[in-house]
Protein backbone atom coordinates (compact mmCIF):
# COMPACT_ATOMS: atom_id res chain seq x y z
CA UNK A 1 18.30 -86.86 128.45
CA UNK A 2 22.06 -87.23 128.86
CA UNK A 3 24.00 -88.99 131.59
CA UNK A 4 27.58 -88.56 130.39
CA UNK A 5 29.70 -85.99 128.60
CA UNK A 6 29.88 -88.34 125.62
CA UNK A 7 26.07 -88.46 125.48
CA UNK A 8 25.89 -84.69 125.82
CA UNK A 9 28.32 -83.95 122.99
CA UNK A 10 26.66 -86.55 120.76
CA UNK A 11 23.26 -85.00 121.42
CA UNK A 12 24.62 -81.57 120.55
CA UNK A 13 25.87 -82.99 117.26
CA UNK A 14 22.58 -84.68 116.44
CA UNK A 15 20.51 -81.61 117.24
CA UNK A 16 23.06 -79.07 115.96
CA UNK A 17 22.72 -77.17 119.22
CA UNK A 18 25.19 -75.81 121.79
CA UNK A 19 25.47 -77.41 125.22
CA UNK A 20 23.53 -74.54 126.79
CA UNK A 21 20.49 -75.15 124.58
CA UNK A 22 20.47 -78.87 125.41
CA UNK A 23 20.61 -78.07 129.12
CA UNK A 24 17.80 -75.52 128.88
CA UNK A 25 15.66 -78.10 127.14
CA UNK A 26 16.42 -80.66 129.84
CA UNK A 27 15.55 -78.19 132.59
CA UNK A 28 12.24 -77.44 130.93
CA UNK A 29 11.46 -81.15 130.89
CA UNK A 30 12.68 -81.86 134.43
CA UNK A 31 11.03 -78.88 136.11
CA UNK A 32 7.89 -78.68 133.95
CA UNK A 33 8.43 -74.95 133.64
CA UNK A 34 8.46 -72.94 130.43
CA UNK A 35 11.72 -72.09 128.69
CA UNK A 36 11.21 -68.43 129.60
CA UNK A 37 10.78 -69.35 133.27
CA UNK A 38 13.90 -71.53 133.28
CA UNK A 39 16.00 -68.79 131.69
CA UNK A 40 14.55 -66.17 134.06
CA UNK A 41 15.57 -68.30 137.03
CA UNK A 42 19.14 -68.53 135.79
CA UNK A 43 19.19 -64.80 135.05
CA UNK A 44 18.22 -64.15 138.67
CA UNK A 45 21.09 -66.35 139.85
CA UNK A 46 23.47 -64.45 137.58
CA UNK A 47 22.45 -61.16 139.16
CA UNK A 48 23.25 -62.63 142.58
CA UNK A 49 26.70 -63.57 141.27
CA UNK A 50 27.32 -60.07 139.91
CA UNK A 51 26.22 -58.42 143.13
CA UNK A 52 28.43 -60.67 145.25
CA UNK A 53 31.47 -59.97 143.10
CA UNK A 54 30.90 -56.22 143.35
CA UNK A 55 30.35 -56.31 147.09
CA UNK A 56 33.53 -58.30 147.61
CA UNK A 57 35.60 -55.81 145.60
CA UNK A 58 34.38 -53.04 147.86
CA UNK A 59 35.83 -54.97 150.80
CA UNK A 60 34.31 -57.39 153.29
CA UNK A 61 35.61 -59.18 156.39
CA UNK A 62 34.57 -62.61 157.59
CA UNK A 63 32.93 -63.05 160.98
CA UNK A 64 35.96 -64.97 162.22
CA UNK A 65 38.32 -62.19 161.19
CA UNK A 66 40.49 -64.73 159.43
CA UNK A 67 39.89 -63.37 155.92
CA UNK A 68 38.75 -60.32 154.01
CA UNK A 69 39.95 -57.46 151.88
CA UNK A 70 41.99 -59.45 149.39
CA UNK A 71 39.63 -58.79 146.48
CA UNK A 72 39.96 -55.08 147.14
CA UNK A 73 43.74 -55.45 147.21
CA UNK A 74 43.67 -57.28 143.88
CA UNK A 75 41.41 -54.63 142.39
CA UNK A 76 43.67 -51.84 143.62
CA UNK A 77 46.65 -53.68 142.14
CA UNK A 78 44.79 -54.00 138.84
CA UNK A 79 43.85 -50.33 138.79
CA UNK A 80 47.47 -49.31 139.44
CA UNK A 81 48.37 -50.83 136.07
CA UNK A 82 51.72 -52.37 137.00
CA UNK A 83 50.85 -56.05 136.71
CA UNK A 84 52.51 -59.08 135.21
CA UNK A 85 49.77 -60.84 133.22
CA UNK A 86 46.76 -59.08 131.70
CA UNK A 87 43.52 -57.40 132.66
CA UNK A 88 41.24 -60.36 131.91
CA UNK A 89 43.32 -62.75 133.99
CA UNK A 90 43.51 -60.38 136.94
CA UNK A 91 39.82 -59.55 136.78
CA UNK A 92 38.99 -63.26 136.89
CA UNK A 93 41.10 -63.64 140.03
CA UNK A 94 39.58 -60.52 141.57
CA UNK A 95 35.97 -61.51 140.93
CA UNK A 96 36.62 -65.05 142.11
CA UNK A 97 38.18 -63.93 145.40
CA UNK A 98 35.51 -61.25 145.87
CA UNK A 99 32.67 -63.75 145.52
CA UNK A 100 34.16 -66.21 147.97
CA UNK A 101 35.01 -63.50 150.48
CA UNK A 102 31.33 -62.56 150.46
CA UNK A 103 30.53 -66.21 151.17
CA UNK A 104 32.94 -66.19 154.12
CA UNK A 105 31.28 -62.99 155.34
CA UNK A 106 27.89 -64.76 155.30
CA UNK A 107 26.70 -62.69 152.34
CA UNK A 108 24.38 -63.78 149.54
CA UNK A 109 26.09 -65.90 146.89
CA UNK A 110 25.12 -68.50 144.31
CA UNK A 111 26.63 -71.93 144.92
CA UNK A 112 28.33 -72.92 141.66
CA UNK A 113 28.37 -75.83 142.32
CA UNK A 114 29.06 -75.28 146.06
CA UNK A 115 29.37 -72.30 148.37
CA UNK A 116 33.06 -73.01 148.89
CA UNK A 117 33.68 -72.83 145.14
CA UNK A 118 31.22 -70.03 144.39
CA UNK A 119 33.83 -67.64 143.00
CA UNK A 120 35.33 -69.65 140.14
CA UNK A 121 32.50 -69.58 137.62
CA UNK A 122 31.40 -65.95 138.10
CA UNK A 123 35.05 -64.94 138.25
CA UNK A 124 35.89 -66.12 134.77
CA UNK A 125 32.51 -65.28 133.22
CA UNK A 126 32.46 -61.72 134.51
CA UNK A 127 36.04 -61.22 133.33
CA UNK A 128 35.07 -62.57 129.92
CA UNK A 129 32.07 -60.24 129.82
CA UNK A 130 34.33 -57.25 130.45
CA UNK A 131 36.83 -58.44 127.83
CA UNK A 132 34.35 -59.27 125.07
CA UNK A 133 31.59 -56.75 125.77
CA UNK A 134 29.01 -59.50 126.18
CA UNK A 135 25.40 -59.02 127.23
CA UNK A 136 24.07 -60.50 130.44
CA UNK A 137 21.94 -62.79 128.26
CA UNK A 138 25.10 -64.31 126.79
CA UNK A 139 26.46 -65.06 130.25
CA UNK A 140 23.16 -66.61 131.33
CA UNK A 141 23.35 -69.05 128.41
CA UNK A 142 26.93 -69.88 129.35
CA UNK A 143 25.73 -70.73 132.85
CA UNK A 144 23.49 -73.41 131.37
CA UNK A 145 26.54 -74.88 129.65
CA UNK A 146 28.34 -74.90 132.99
CA UNK A 147 25.26 -76.43 134.59
CA UNK A 148 25.28 -79.32 132.13
CA UNK A 149 28.88 -80.12 133.03
CA UNK A 150 28.13 -79.88 136.74
CA UNK A 151 25.08 -82.10 136.29
CA UNK A 152 27.19 -84.88 134.78
CA UNK A 153 29.96 -84.57 137.38
CA UNK A 154 27.50 -84.56 140.29
CA UNK A 155 25.67 -87.63 138.99
CA UNK A 156 28.78 -89.65 138.12
CA UNK A 157 31.19 -88.54 140.85
CA UNK A 158 30.77 -85.87 143.52
CA UNK A 159 30.88 -82.09 144.01
CA UNK A 160 31.22 -82.08 147.80
CA UNK A 161 34.52 -81.53 149.56
CA UNK A 162 33.33 -83.75 152.38
CA UNK A 163 32.77 -86.57 149.89
CA UNK A 164 35.71 -86.17 147.54
CA UNK A 165 38.11 -83.46 148.68
CA UNK A 166 38.55 -80.01 147.18
CA UNK A 167 39.04 -81.55 143.74
CA UNK A 168 35.29 -82.16 143.86
CA UNK A 169 34.49 -78.53 144.70
CA UNK A 170 37.10 -76.27 143.10
CA UNK A 171 37.87 -78.92 140.48
CA UNK A 172 34.26 -79.23 139.38
CA UNK A 173 33.77 -75.46 139.41
CA UNK A 174 36.89 -74.97 137.31
CA UNK A 175 35.76 -77.63 134.83
CA UNK A 176 32.33 -76.01 134.56
CA UNK A 177 33.88 -72.59 134.02
CA UNK A 178 36.31 -73.83 131.38
CA UNK A 179 33.51 -75.43 129.35
CA UNK A 180 31.35 -72.31 129.63
CA UNK A 181 34.21 -70.07 128.51
CA UNK A 182 34.74 -72.17 125.41
CA UNK A 183 31.06 -71.90 124.47
CA UNK A 184 31.16 -68.14 125.09
CA UNK A 185 34.05 -67.90 122.65
CA UNK A 186 32.12 -69.79 119.98
CA UNK A 187 33.88 -73.10 120.54
CA UNK A 188 32.23 -76.41 119.73
CA UNK A 189 30.60 -78.73 122.28
CA UNK A 190 33.55 -81.06 121.71
CA UNK A 191 35.96 -78.26 122.63
CA UNK A 192 33.93 -77.42 125.74
CA UNK A 193 34.12 -81.06 126.80
CA UNK A 194 37.88 -81.11 126.28
CA UNK A 195 38.26 -77.91 128.32
CA UNK A 196 36.27 -79.55 131.10
CA UNK A 197 38.53 -82.61 131.03
CA UNK A 198 41.76 -80.58 131.01
CA UNK A 199 40.59 -78.39 133.90
CA UNK A 200 39.44 -81.30 136.04
CA UNK A 201 42.63 -83.29 135.38
CA UNK A 202 44.66 -80.42 136.77
CA UNK A 203 42.78 -80.59 140.05
CA UNK A 204 42.87 -84.33 140.74
CA UNK A 205 43.85 -85.15 144.30
CA UNK A 206 43.29 -81.67 145.72
CA UNK A 207 42.64 -81.98 149.45
CA UNK A 208 39.86 -80.24 151.35
CA UNK A 209 41.68 -78.93 154.43
CA UNK A 210 40.02 -75.76 155.76
CA UNK A 211 41.67 -74.07 158.73
CA UNK A 212 39.51 -74.40 161.84
CA UNK A 213 36.86 -76.05 159.66
CA UNK A 214 35.81 -72.72 158.16
CA UNK A 215 35.31 -72.17 154.43
CA UNK A 216 37.92 -69.42 154.32
CA UNK A 217 41.55 -70.61 154.23
CA UNK A 218 42.67 -71.93 151.79
CA UNK A 219 39.25 -71.92 150.08
CA UNK A 220 39.15 -68.27 149.02
CA UNK A 221 42.53 -68.28 147.28
CA UNK A 222 41.75 -71.67 145.75
CA UNK A 223 38.85 -69.99 143.98
CA UNK A 224 41.39 -67.74 142.29
CA UNK A 225 43.46 -70.81 141.44
CA UNK A 226 40.41 -72.53 139.99
CA UNK A 227 39.65 -69.48 137.85
CA UNK A 228 43.22 -69.39 136.53
CA UNK A 229 43.04 -73.10 135.76
CA UNK A 230 39.75 -72.64 133.89
CA UNK A 231 41.28 -69.93 131.73
CA UNK A 232 44.27 -72.13 130.92
CA UNK A 233 42.08 -75.12 130.03
CA UNK A 234 39.74 -73.03 127.87
CA UNK A 235 42.64 -71.49 125.94
CA UNK A 236 44.12 -74.92 125.26
CA UNK A 237 40.81 -76.36 124.11
CA UNK A 238 40.14 -73.35 121.86
CA UNK A 239 43.58 -73.90 120.34
CA UNK A 240 42.45 -77.39 119.33
CA UNK A 241 44.16 -79.34 122.10
CA UNK A 242 42.31 -82.43 123.31
CA UNK A 243 42.61 -84.31 126.58
CA UNK A 244 44.31 -87.65 126.00
CA UNK A 245 41.99 -89.12 128.62
CA UNK A 246 38.32 -88.76 127.56
CA UNK A 247 36.16 -86.44 129.70
CA UNK A 248 34.02 -89.18 131.22
CA UNK A 249 37.10 -91.16 132.20
CA UNK A 250 38.49 -88.05 133.89
CA UNK A 251 35.28 -87.78 135.92
CA UNK A 252 35.54 -91.45 136.82
CA UNK A 253 39.16 -90.95 137.89
CA UNK A 254 38.15 -88.01 140.07
CA UNK A 255 35.54 -90.18 141.73
CA UNK A 256 38.06 -92.94 142.44
CA UNK A 257 40.62 -90.46 143.77
CA UNK A 258 37.95 -88.94 146.00
CA UNK A 259 37.06 -92.35 147.36
CA UNK A 260 40.75 -92.99 148.05
CA UNK A 261 41.43 -89.78 149.94
CA UNK A 262 41.75 -90.25 153.69
CA UNK A 263 39.09 -88.75 155.94
CA UNK A 264 41.62 -86.19 157.18
CA UNK A 265 41.60 -84.58 153.72
CA UNK A 266 37.82 -84.40 153.32
CA UNK A 267 36.73 -81.19 155.01
CA UNK A 268 37.34 -82.52 158.51
CA UNK A 269 40.10 -79.98 159.24
CA UNK A 270 42.27 -82.83 160.51
CA UNK A 271 44.96 -82.85 157.82
CA UNK A 272 46.73 -80.83 155.17
CA UNK A 273 46.94 -77.09 155.80
CA UNK A 274 44.48 -77.38 158.70
CA UNK A 275 47.03 -79.50 160.57
CA UNK A 276 49.87 -76.98 160.23
CA UNK A 277 51.02 -74.94 163.21
CA UNK A 278 49.12 -71.92 161.90
CA UNK A 279 46.03 -74.02 161.27
CA UNK A 280 46.05 -75.33 164.83
CA UNK A 281 46.56 -71.83 166.24
CA UNK A 282 43.53 -70.49 164.37
CA UNK A 283 41.43 -73.38 165.63
CA UNK A 284 42.48 -72.72 169.22
CA UNK A 285 41.89 -68.98 168.86
CA UNK A 286 38.41 -69.38 167.40
CA UNK A 287 37.34 -72.00 169.94
CA UNK A 288 38.61 -69.74 172.72
CA UNK A 289 36.54 -66.85 171.34
CA UNK A 290 33.46 -69.05 171.21
CA UNK A 291 33.97 -70.17 174.80
CA UNK A 292 34.30 -66.55 175.94
CA UNK A 293 31.12 -65.56 174.08
CA UNK A 294 29.25 -68.48 175.67
């Protein structure tokens, strides 16, 4: 059993196992299911992620009409071949946006760790799969690595935007994705932990300020931002760069920042972008539509 990132990395060292294997073993113990059953459950979740990403690329529109079609635009831009960065980076953004657009359209997604941040982890993992030619089984193992990181964050801080701002949702998802990417690339548990810390540090203080209280704007594009951040953190960790602040202290700092954020920046739609002129207009428009339907 592990309760901190330090415990997790130490356990990996003692057992000479990757983070994913430690998490699988813990799930077997906690759920009293067989290893095969635990892995099969995660494999099922991964298929949900893949299906959501594909559906989003084809184009969906939210029920509010506020969002939709951006994943298709990104994919069309990628296919045109005249882009600034590279294919892997753009695919990560595309898959991330696609997954969260499906969430906004009330489609089936896998919360990783929340519905509002459901695009970050599949975004980067599916892009990595395309880049490296990985099997689905490899991605499923990486999800257990991500799950171990999310487990520690959830039990020592928070993953809810209502509790700790968007740093808790997109930040946690980005940290989970960064750690999983490092393991996928053959990095050590120590490097995965450093990637997690770097990613989460970059998200500290991020407000949760959804327009009209809907998980659409700025949530969908923040999934793309979280995916980009995860890629940056993973690359740095794989290069041998460590976080000057230890991973568990970063989690503690995120918790304290979340506690310090005003209520207006915790998913109440009372501050930040939700309080802009455009945010107020969308709120009025949607409430007017609801009144007319009633």
